[in-house]
Protein backbone atom coordinates (compact mmCIF):
# COMPACT_ATOMS: atom_id res chain seq x y z
CA MET A 1 0.09 -0.05 0.08
CA ARG A 2 3.05 2.44 0.88
CA ARG A 3 4.71 1.83 -2.55
CA VAL A 4 1.31 2.43 -4.30
CA PHE A 5 0.95 5.63 -2.56
CA THR A 6 4.40 6.77 -3.30
CA ALA A 7 4.11 5.85 -6.80
CA SER A 8 0.68 7.99 -6.84
CA LEU A 9 2.37 10.85 -5.47
CA ALA A 10 5.39 10.60 -7.84
CA LEU A 11 2.94 10.50 -10.70
CA LEU A 12 1.06 13.35 -9.51
CA SER A 13 4.32 15.63 -8.96
CA LEU A 14 5.39 14.67 -12.68
CA VAL A 15 2.17 15.65 -14.16
CA ILE A 16 1.98 18.79 -12.50
CA ILE A 17 5.53 19.90 -13.39
CA LEU A 18 5.37 18.67 -16.92
CA GLY A 19 2.25 20.72 -17.39
CA GLY A 20 -0.93 18.47 -17.15
CA CYS A 21 -1.64 19.83 -13.77
CA VAL A 22 -4.67 18.11 -12.24
CA ALA A 23 -7.88 18.52 -14.31
CA HIS A 24 -10.65 20.79 -12.84
CA PRO A 25 -14.12 21.65 -13.93
CA VAL A 26 -14.35 24.96 -15.78
CA HIS A 27 -16.33 26.00 -12.44
CA GLU A 28 -13.28 27.31 -10.16
CA ALA A 29 -15.74 27.69 -7.01
CA ARG A 30 -19.05 28.85 -6.12
CA SER A 31 -19.75 32.51 -4.70
CA MET A 32 -21.03 32.87 -1.29
CA LEU A 33 -24.64 33.18 -3.04
CA GLY A 34 -24.32 29.92 -4.43
CA GLU A 35 -23.55 30.95 -8.06
CA PRO A 36 -21.02 28.89 -10.12
CA LEU A 37 -17.52 30.94 -10.81
CA ARG A 38 -16.38 30.15 -14.10
CA ARG A 39 -12.58 30.75 -14.80
CA GLU A 40 -13.20 32.01 -18.68
CA THR A 41 -15.21 34.88 -17.29
CA LEU A 42 -12.58 36.51 -15.48
CA PRO A 43 -11.75 39.56 -17.69
CA GLY A 44 -8.20 40.38 -18.87
CA VAL A 45 -6.51 37.54 -16.63
CA GLU A 46 -4.92 35.54 -19.51
CA SER A 47 -3.08 37.79 -21.26
CA ARG A 48 -0.07 36.48 -23.33
CA GLU A 49 2.42 37.88 -20.81
CA ARG A 50 1.03 36.03 -18.19
CA LEU A 51 0.48 32.91 -19.77
CA GLN A 52 4.16 33.05 -20.93
CA ALA A 53 5.12 33.90 -17.15
CA VAL A 54 3.15 30.61 -16.32
CA GLY A 55 5.08 28.57 -18.80
CA GLU A 56 8.74 29.90 -17.76
CA ALA A 57 7.45 28.95 -13.99
CA ARG A 58 6.59 25.62 -15.07
CA GLY A 59 9.95 25.10 -17.04
CA VAL A 60 11.57 26.23 -13.87
CA LEU A 61 9.98 24.02 -11.46
CA ALA A 62 10.85 21.04 -13.75
CA ALA A 63 14.26 21.94 -13.70
CA GLN A 64 14.36 22.72 -10.18
CA PRO A 65 11.66 20.68 -8.24
CA ASP A 66 13.74 20.76 -5.02
CA ASP A 67 13.56 24.36 -4.67
CA GLU A 68 10.95 25.71 -2.66
CA ALA A 69 10.69 29.02 -4.40
CA SER A 70 9.84 27.20 -7.82
CA TRP A 71 6.60 25.73 -6.21
CA ILE A 72 5.61 29.05 -4.96
CA TRP A 73 6.12 30.74 -8.29
CA LEU A 74 4.26 28.30 -10.45
CA GLY A 75 1.40 28.65 -8.02
CA ARG A 76 1.36 32.34 -7.96
CA ARG A 77 1.62 32.75 -11.76
CA LEU A 78 -1.28 30.10 -12.10
CA GLY A 79 -3.22 32.43 -9.47
CA TYR A 80 -2.42 35.49 -11.83
CA VAL A 81 -4.32 33.75 -14.96
CA GLY A 82 -7.16 32.71 -12.75
CA ARG A 83 -6.50 29.06 -12.58
CA PHE A 84 -6.97 28.82 -8.73
CA ARG A 85 -7.54 25.24 -8.49
CA GLU A 86 -4.43 24.31 -10.24
CA ALA A 87 -2.36 26.94 -7.94
CA ILE A 88 -4.03 24.99 -4.90
CA ASP A 89 -2.45 21.78 -6.09
CA ILE A 90 0.80 23.35 -6.94
CA PHE A 91 0.97 24.97 -3.24
CA SER A 92 -0.27 21.25 -1.61
CA GLU A 93 2.25 19.41 -3.72
CA GLY A 94 5.04 21.97 -2.49
CA LEU A 95 3.58 21.58 1.10
CA ARG A 96 3.93 17.90 0.92
CA ARG A 97 7.82 18.40 0.29
CA TYR A 98 7.99 21.51 2.62
CA PRO A 99 5.35 21.05 5.42
CA GLU A 100 6.94 23.76 7.50
CA SER A 101 6.94 26.39 4.67
CA TYR A 102 4.87 29.30 6.05
CA ARG A 103 5.35 30.86 2.47
CA LEU A 104 3.56 28.03 0.76
CA LEU A 105 0.73 28.21 3.47
CA ARG A 106 0.56 31.97 2.98
CA HIS A 107 -0.06 31.54 -0.74
CA ARG A 108 -2.43 28.66 -0.50
CA GLY A 109 -4.19 30.62 2.16
CA HIS A 110 -4.84 33.15 -0.48
CA ARG A 111 -6.05 31.07 -3.09
CA TYR A 112 -8.48 29.28 -0.76
CA ILE A 113 -9.91 32.75 -0.27
CA SER A 114 -10.19 33.22 -3.84
CA CYS A 115 -12.41 29.95 -4.07
CA ARG A 116 -14.51 31.15 -1.20
CA GLU A 117 -13.18 28.15 0.99
CA LEU A 118 -12.75 30.46 4.10
CA ASP A 119 -12.34 27.80 6.79
CA LEU A 120 -9.35 26.31 5.02
CA ALA A 121 -7.90 29.73 4.33
CA VAL A 122 -8.02 30.44 8.01
CA ALA A 123 -6.34 27.37 9.11
CA ASP A 124 -3.57 27.65 6.52
CA LEU A 125 -2.77 31.26 7.43
CA ARG A 126 -2.90 30.72 11.25
CA ARG A 127 -0.36 28.00 11.02
CA ALA A 128 1.42 30.21 8.74
CA ALA A 129 1.47 32.99 11.06
CA ASP A 130 2.88 30.45 13.92
CA LEU A 131 5.58 29.16 11.56
CA ALA A 132 6.79 32.52 10.51
CA ARG A 133 7.31 33.61 14.18
CA HIS A 134 10.34 31.86 14.09
CA HIS A 135 11.98 33.47 11.34
CA PRO A 136 13.01 36.94 10.30
CA ASP A 137 10.69 38.78 8.43
CA ALA A 138 11.81 39.56 4.58
CA VAL A 139 10.43 41.58 1.61
CA GLU A 140 8.10 39.67 -0.40
CA ALA A 141 8.55 39.96 -4.32
CA ASP A 142 5.83 41.13 -6.11
CA GLY A 143 4.66 39.30 -8.85
CA ALA A 144 2.66 42.38 -10.50
CA PRO A 145 5.02 45.17 -9.14
CA ASN A 146 3.71 48.79 -8.72
CA PRO A 147 4.75 51.60 -10.77
CA SER A 148 7.53 52.47 -8.37
CA GLY A 149 9.03 48.81 -8.65
CA VAL A 150 9.50 49.05 -4.75
CA ALA A 151 8.07 46.02 -3.01
CA ARG A 152 5.69 47.20 -0.09
CA SER A 153 4.84 44.08 1.76
CA THR A 154 6.58 41.23 3.89
CA ASP A 155 6.07 37.60 4.44
CA ARG A 156 4.58 37.89 7.86
CA SER A 157 2.67 41.26 6.73
CA ASN A 158 0.98 39.29 3.83
CA ILE A 159 -0.07 36.56 6.22
CA TYR A 160 -1.55 38.45 8.70
CA TYR A 161 -3.34 40.73 6.07
CA HIS A 162 -4.74 37.81 4.34
CA LEU A 163 -5.50 36.19 8.15
CA GLY A 164 -7.41 39.33 8.89
CA LEU A 165 -9.28 39.38 5.55
CA ALA A 166 -10.61 35.58 6.24
CA HIS A 167 -11.60 36.37 9.34
CA TYR A 168 -13.56 39.57 8.27
CA LEU A 169 -15.07 37.66 5.29
CA ARG A 170 -16.36 34.92 7.84
CA GLY A 171 -17.78 37.76 9.81
CA GLU A 172 -15.49 37.43 12.83
CA TYR A 173 -14.42 40.83 13.48
CA GLU A 174 -12.96 40.59 16.88
CA CYS A 175 -10.61 37.93 14.90
CA ALA A 176 -10.29 40.24 11.84
CA ASP A 177 -9.05 43.06 14.16
CA ARG A 178 -6.50 41.22 16.04
CA ALA A 179 -4.81 40.00 12.84
CA PHE A 180 -4.50 43.29 11.60
CA ALA A 181 -3.29 44.51 14.58
CA MET A 182 -0.56 42.13 14.50
CA ARG A 183 0.46 43.56 10.94
CA ASP A 184 0.30 47.08 12.32
CA GLY A 185 2.54 46.27 14.93
CA LEU A 186 5.55 44.59 12.49
CA ASP A 187 8.73 46.64 12.15
CA SER A 188 8.34 46.35 8.39
CA VAL A 189 5.10 48.45 8.36
CA ASN A 190 4.69 51.14 5.95
CA ASP A 191 2.16 53.67 4.64
CA ASP A 192 0.74 51.13 2.03
CA MET A 193 0.39 48.76 4.73
CA ILE A 194 -1.37 51.26 7.02
CA VAL A 195 -3.91 52.12 4.73
CA SER A 196 -4.89 48.65 3.48
CA THR A 197 -5.05 47.49 7.13
CA THR A 198 -7.14 50.66 8.67
CA HIS A 199 -9.69 50.01 5.68
CA TRP A 200 -10.62 46.69 7.12
CA ARG A 201 -9.93 47.27 10.98
CA TYR A 202 -12.38 50.29 10.46
CA LEU A 203 -15.07 48.48 9.02
CA SER A 204 -14.37 45.61 11.70
CA LEU A 205 -14.54 47.70 14.49
CA ARG A 206 -17.59 49.90 13.20
CA ARG A 207 -19.38 46.46 12.87
CA LEU A 208 -18.57 45.54 16.62
CA GLY A 209 -20.12 48.84 17.83
CA ARG A 210 -16.64 50.39 18.61
CA ASP A 211 -17.34 53.49 17.00
CA ALA A 212 -14.82 55.59 18.99
CA ASP A 213 -11.92 52.98 18.36
CA ALA A 214 -12.84 53.36 14.75
CA ALA A 215 -12.74 57.01 14.93
CA ALA A 216 -9.38 57.03 16.69
CA LEU A 217 -8.03 54.26 14.36
CA VAL A 218 -8.54 56.65 11.08
CA SER A 219 -7.63 60.01 12.99
CA GLY A 220 -4.09 59.89 11.90
CA ILE A 221 -4.67 59.15 8.18
CA ASN A 222 -3.59 62.07 5.93
CA ALA A 223 -3.50 63.11 2.30
CA GLY A 224 0.51 63.37 2.43
CA MET A 225 1.03 59.77 3.17
CA ASN A 226 3.67 57.82 1.28
CA VAL A 227 1.39 55.47 -0.56
CA LEU A 228 2.78 54.00 -3.75
CA GLU A 229 0.22 51.15 -4.59
CA ASN A 230 -2.86 51.34 -2.37
CA GLY A 231 -4.38 54.53 -3.37
CA GLY A 232 -7.81 53.31 -3.34
CA TYR A 233 -7.63 52.21 0.45
CA HIS A 234 -5.85 55.49 1.20
CA ASN A 235 -9.10 57.32 -0.23
CA LEU A 236 -11.23 54.98 1.40
CA CYS A 237 -9.44 55.73 4.97
CA LEU A 238 -9.80 59.65 4.08
CA MET A 239 -13.36 59.11 3.76
CA TYR A 240 -13.84 57.21 6.97
CA ALA A 241 -11.95 59.93 8.72
CA GLY A 242 -14.32 62.58 6.95
CA LYS A 243 -11.62 64.18 4.90
CA ALA A 244 -13.22 63.13 1.53
CA SER A 245 -16.83 62.20 0.33
CA PRO A 246 -18.11 58.98 -1.06
CA GLN A 247 -18.82 60.31 -4.44
CA ASP A 248 -14.86 62.07 -4.14
CA VAL A 249 -13.67 58.43 -3.68
CA LEU A 250 -15.46 56.70 -6.21
CA SER A 251 -14.77 59.30 -8.72
CA ARG A 252 -11.31 58.95 -8.25
CA ALA A 253 -11.63 55.08 -8.20
CA CYS A 254 -13.08 55.46 -11.70
CA GLU A 255 -10.33 57.60 -13.73
CA GLY A 256 -9.19 56.09 -16.52
CA GLY A 257 -12.36 54.09 -17.24
CA SER A 258 -11.56 51.01 -14.83
CA ARG A 259 -13.46 49.93 -11.86
CA ASP A 260 -11.84 49.51 -8.43
CA HIS A 261 -14.13 46.75 -6.49
CA SER A 262 -12.25 47.26 -3.29
CA VAL A 263 -13.00 51.06 -3.50
CA GLU A 264 -16.59 50.20 -4.41
CA TYR A 265 -17.03 47.68 -1.54
CA GLY A 266 -15.52 50.37 1.07
CA VAL A 267 -17.97 52.99 0.15
CA ALA A 268 -20.99 50.69 -0.09
CA ALA A 269 -20.03 49.27 3.51
CA PHE A 270 -19.73 52.78 4.64
CA ARG A 271 -23.11 53.85 3.29
CA MET A 272 -24.58 50.76 5.10
CA LEU A 273 -23.10 52.10 8.18
CA ILE A 274 -24.40 55.54 7.80
CA GLY A 275 -27.90 54.60 6.98
CA GLU A 276 -27.80 54.73 3.42
CA LYS A 277 -28.99 51.31 3.07
CA THR A 278 -30.79 51.14 -0.31
CA GLU A 279 -27.79 52.88 -1.89
CA ALA A 280 -25.54 50.16 -0.22
CA ARG A 281 -27.34 47.18 -1.05
CA ASP A 282 -27.84 48.22 -4.69
CA MET A 283 -23.88 48.69 -4.94
CA LEU A 284 -23.27 45.19 -3.27
CA GLU A 285 -25.69 43.59 -5.50
CA LYS A 286 -23.79 44.99 -8.69
CA LEU A 287 -20.58 44.28 -7.13
CA ALA A 288 -21.66 40.56 -6.50
CA ALA A 289 -22.59 40.40 -10.25
CA SER A 290 -19.13 41.35 -11.64
CA PRO A 291 -17.34 39.23 -13.75
CA SER A 292 -14.17 39.99 -11.76
CA TRP A 293 -15.29 37.81 -9.16
CA HIS A 294 -11.54 37.26 -7.69
CA SER A 295 -11.36 40.64 -6.45
CA PHE A 296 -11.52 40.95 -2.49
CA GLY A 297 -14.32 43.68 -3.12
CA VAL A 298 -16.16 41.35 -4.88
CA ILE A 299 -15.90 38.50 -2.38
CA ALA A 300 -16.83 40.66 0.82
CA ALA A 301 -20.05 41.95 -1.14
CA GLU A 302 -21.06 38.59 -1.80
CA CYS A 303 -20.51 37.64 2.18
CA ASP A 304 -22.29 40.84 3.31
CA LEU A 305 -25.16 39.77 0.87
CA ALA A 306 -25.12 36.23 2.25
CA ARG A 307 -25.19 36.98 5.81
CA GLU A 308 -28.26 39.51 5.19
CA ARG A 309 -30.26 36.87 3.13
CA ALA A 310 -29.72 34.30 6.12
CA GLY A 311 -30.67 36.84 8.72
CA GLY A 312 -27.32 37.50 9.99
CA GLY A 313 -27.16 41.43 9.93
CA GLY A 314 -24.50 43.62 9.53
CA ARG A 315 -22.77 42.97 13.12
CA SER A 316 -21.26 39.35 13.21
CA ARG A 317 -19.81 36.99 15.45
CA PRO A 318 -16.54 37.89 17.47
């Protein structure tokens, strides 16, 4: 039996490395509202450059299967083209070889969020956080660099960010706030991290009824912060602090003709908090219908709507 298992595992590894990744149905996942999510409906993810990068990463893994980074980068590249299930397979196979890899756990946790498997995401990210405590923090290379070319996040900051997000999506706002607070306490924290964290912490605190804490959290947000890649979150935090209007924030988010779903979600959530429930719900419904279903803003909209339809209301469990 052991020989059969070992042979099967070796065959799986060979199939993955050579490009035949385990076949998955066209549906990558189901939304939190029960709708099938199809890979081919994701707009713009399968660009020639991204597909070429997948092929190159696959070649690197075939040549260097004993390099942890090879597994990480193939999984990341697959995620960038919307092949989330294949990415999870790659990270899982990498974890069989490197079971203590907090980096592989961090990335698999991210893709479990993409696939709406939030319990699995929390389990991976909690373990990643525990393992990473025993290692120095390090800058995480960015697969889609910002215009400055300067990476703005680290291994541990990304673990806590995605852990906080997974808890938020599950409606566990106390846990979300604690995870994001751990990120804020890192030595590596910068203004890009601060505004992205503050956005989710503010919404978590407001939903817990801790309005004074939420106001204190955004009181230090200002227009002069050194934000290189999270301009949308920065504008949302200015809105929460009373320094920008929802209309202004949405207008900035649509400059250039594209939509920023995370900003749209932040405005919708804020409008719900200030009593503009009809407008907020309409925004959430439109977000949930977006073909860009991999966006965290879309996932958050689905979770809010699913809780509302289940009678869970806006303030969920701690």
